[in-house]
Amino acid sequence: MKYLCAVCCLLWATLASAQQSERFDEFELHYSIVYSTFLTADIAAQFGIPRGKDKAMLTLSVRDADAGDVEGRPMEISGRTWDLITGGDMKVKEVREGRATYYLVPFEFLDREYRFFEFDFKPEGADKTYSYTFKTQLWRQE
């Protein structure tokens, strides 16, 4: 539990400015890209996140903004991620702490290239599935 608090605090506090969100009806999807080198070796091992200069992860959380939720809620999620050379299905890791649920998607990237993400998600309590696509440019961490 304490490791989970540490990783969540690290992810959200360290990258608050990099976090982005999109609204889907009453739901708000929060996402950010975190370079794996930002994680300590212990935290990365605890969650099975590979560390390296060309490794990162997508963090995802969805909440019901109209209901005033502050914790992420469970959701069904599937999708794919790709760049110029590699790609495939997203390998999503669910993390639960109390009432909060977050999702981690580790991946490798090419230096200075765009990484694309395309996924469908259905928040717990939603009547429909939503789709989202975005791209981000990543740089190898030295």
Protein backbone atom coordinates (compact mmCIF):
# COMPACT_ATOMS: atom_id res chain seq x y z
CA MET A 1 0.00 0.00 0.00
CA LYS A 2 2.70 2.51 0.92
CA TYR A 3 4.47 1.81 -2.39
CA LEU A 4 1.27 2.55 -4.26
CA CYS A 5 0.86 5.86 -2.45
CA ALA A 6 4.44 6.72 -3.33
CA VAL A 7 4.06 5.95 -7.02
CA CYS A 8 0.72 7.75 -7.29
CA CYS A 9 2.09 10.82 -5.52
CA LEU A 10 5.16 10.73 -7.73
CA LEU A 11 3.13 10.42 -10.90
CA TRP A 12 0.53 13.07 -10.14
CA ALA A 13 2.57 15.58 -8.15
CA THR A 14 5.73 15.47 -10.26
CA LEU A 15 3.89 15.71 -13.54
CA ALA A 16 0.87 17.83 -12.69
CA SER A 17 1.85 20.28 -15.37
CA ALA A 18 2.23 17.51 -17.96
CA GLN A 19 -1.08 15.89 -17.12
CA GLN A 20 -3.80 16.34 -19.66
CA SER A 21 -7.51 15.63 -19.58
CA GLU A 22 -10.44 15.24 -21.92
CA ARG A 23 -14.15 15.32 -21.15
CA PHE A 24 -16.50 12.56 -22.34
CA ASP A 25 -20.06 13.35 -21.24
CA GLU A 26 -19.88 13.38 -17.42
CA PHE A 27 -16.53 11.57 -17.35
CA GLU A 28 -13.10 13.16 -17.33
CA LEU A 29 -10.16 11.13 -18.61
CA HIS A 30 -6.78 12.15 -17.16
CA TYR A 31 -3.59 10.97 -18.82
CA SER A 32 0.11 11.69 -18.78
CA ILE A 33 3.37 10.25 -20.05
CA VAL A 34 6.02 9.43 -17.43
CA TYR A 35 9.60 8.53 -18.31
CA SER A 36 10.52 5.36 -16.42
CA THR A 37 13.76 6.96 -15.21
CA PHE A 38 11.61 9.20 -12.96
CA LEU A 39 10.71 6.09 -10.91
CA THR A 40 13.02 4.65 -8.30
CA ALA A 41 14.19 1.10 -8.95
CA ASP A 42 12.13 -0.12 -5.97
CA ILE A 43 8.89 1.47 -7.16
CA ALA A 44 9.41 0.27 -10.75
CA ALA A 45 10.04 -3.28 -9.51
CA GLN A 46 6.97 -3.19 -7.25
CA PHE A 47 4.72 -2.47 -10.26
CA GLY A 48 6.65 -4.42 -12.90
CA ILE A 49 7.58 -1.30 -14.83
CA PRO A 50 10.80 -1.68 -16.88
CA ARG A 51 13.22 1.23 -16.49
CA GLY A 52 15.53 2.57 -19.16
CA LYS A 53 16.51 5.53 -21.32
CA ASP A 54 13.96 4.55 -23.98
CA LYS A 55 11.12 3.41 -21.72
CA ALA A 56 8.10 5.30 -20.48
CA MET A 57 4.54 4.71 -19.41
CA LEU A 58 1.15 6.18 -20.03
CA THR A 59 -0.86 6.79 -16.86
CA LEU A 60 -4.65 6.84 -17.08
CA SER A 61 -7.44 7.66 -14.69
CA VAL A 62 -11.12 8.41 -15.25
CA ARG A 63 -13.56 10.08 -12.89
CA ASP A 64 -17.17 11.21 -12.88
CA ALA A 65 -16.67 14.98 -12.85
CA ASP A 66 -20.39 15.76 -12.53
CA ALA A 67 -20.62 13.65 -9.36
CA GLY A 68 -17.54 15.38 -7.92
CA ASP A 69 -15.38 12.24 -7.88
CA VAL A 70 -11.76 12.90 -7.01
CA GLU A 71 -10.57 9.28 -7.17
CA GLY A 72 -10.16 7.38 -10.41
CA ARG A 73 -12.81 4.75 -10.99
CA PRO A 74 -12.47 1.33 -12.59
CA MET A 75 -12.89 1.08 -16.34
CA GLU A 76 -12.61 -1.43 -19.13
CA ILE A 77 -9.82 -0.37 -21.46
CA SER A 78 -8.13 -1.78 -24.53
CA GLY A 79 -6.14 -0.28 -27.33
CA ARG A 80 -2.89 -0.13 -29.20
CA THR A 81 0.23 2.00 -29.33
CA TRP A 82 2.79 2.41 -32.11
CA ASP A 83 5.63 4.42 -33.61
CA LEU A 84 7.47 4.19 -36.95
CA ILE A 85 8.90 0.74 -36.24
CA THR A 86 7.14 -0.99 -33.36
CA GLY A 87 3.61 -1.30 -32.15
CA GLY A 88 0.99 -3.56 -30.71
CA ASP A 89 -1.72 -3.90 -28.13
CA MET A 90 -1.41 -1.79 -25.00
CA LYS A 91 -0.39 -3.86 -21.97
CA VAL A 92 -2.52 -2.24 -19.28
CA LYS A 93 -1.74 -2.67 -15.58
CA GLU A 94 -4.56 -1.84 -13.18
CA VAL A 95 -3.61 -0.32 -9.81
CA ARG A 96 -6.17 -0.06 -7.00
CA GLU A 97 -5.82 1.71 -3.70
CA GLY A 98 -8.92 1.99 -1.58
CA ARG A 99 -11.57 3.60 -3.81
CA ALA A 100 -9.05 4.91 -6.35
CA THR A 101 -8.18 3.01 -9.54
CA TYR A 102 -5.40 3.98 -11.96
CA TYR A 103 -3.94 2.38 -15.06
CA LEU A 104 -0.32 2.12 -16.19
CA VAL A 105 0.75 1.28 -19.75
CA PRO A 106 4.52 0.71 -20.05
CA PHE A 107 6.12 1.00 -23.49
CA GLU A 108 9.42 1.53 -25.33
CA PHE A 109 9.92 4.44 -27.70
CA LEU A 110 12.21 5.71 -30.45
CA ASP A 111 14.21 8.84 -29.68
CA ARG A 112 12.58 12.06 -30.96
CA GLU A 113 9.79 10.19 -32.75
CA TYR A 114 6.07 10.38 -32.21
CA ARG A 115 4.31 7.65 -30.26
CA PHE A 116 0.63 7.10 -31.05
CA PHE A 117 -2.05 5.83 -28.67
CA GLU A 118 -5.53 4.70 -29.65
CA PHE A 119 -7.85 3.15 -27.11
CA ASP A 120 -11.45 2.47 -26.12
CA PHE A 121 -12.58 2.77 -22.53
CA LYS A 122 -15.79 2.28 -20.61
CA PRO A 123 -15.87 3.74 -17.09
CA GLU A 124 -17.70 1.81 -14.42
CA GLY A 125 -21.29 3.09 -14.46
CA ALA A 126 -21.13 4.36 -18.07
CA ASP A 127 -23.75 3.42 -20.64
CA LYS A 128 -21.33 3.50 -23.55
CA THR A 129 -17.74 3.02 -24.60
CA TYR A 130 -15.60 6.03 -25.53
CA SER A 131 -12.65 6.21 -27.93
CA TYR A 132 -9.59 8.40 -27.69
CA THR A 133 -6.47 8.88 -29.85
CA PHE A 134 -3.43 11.07 -29.28
CA LYS A 135 0.25 11.30 -30.12
CA THR A 136 3.26 12.55 -28.21
CA GLN A 137 6.91 13.11 -29.01
CA LEU A 138 9.45 11.51 -26.71
CA TRP A 139 13.19 11.98 -26.14
CA ARG A 140 15.65 9.41 -24.89
CA GLN A 141 16.62 10.11 -21.28
CA GLU A 142 20.38 10.39 -20.72
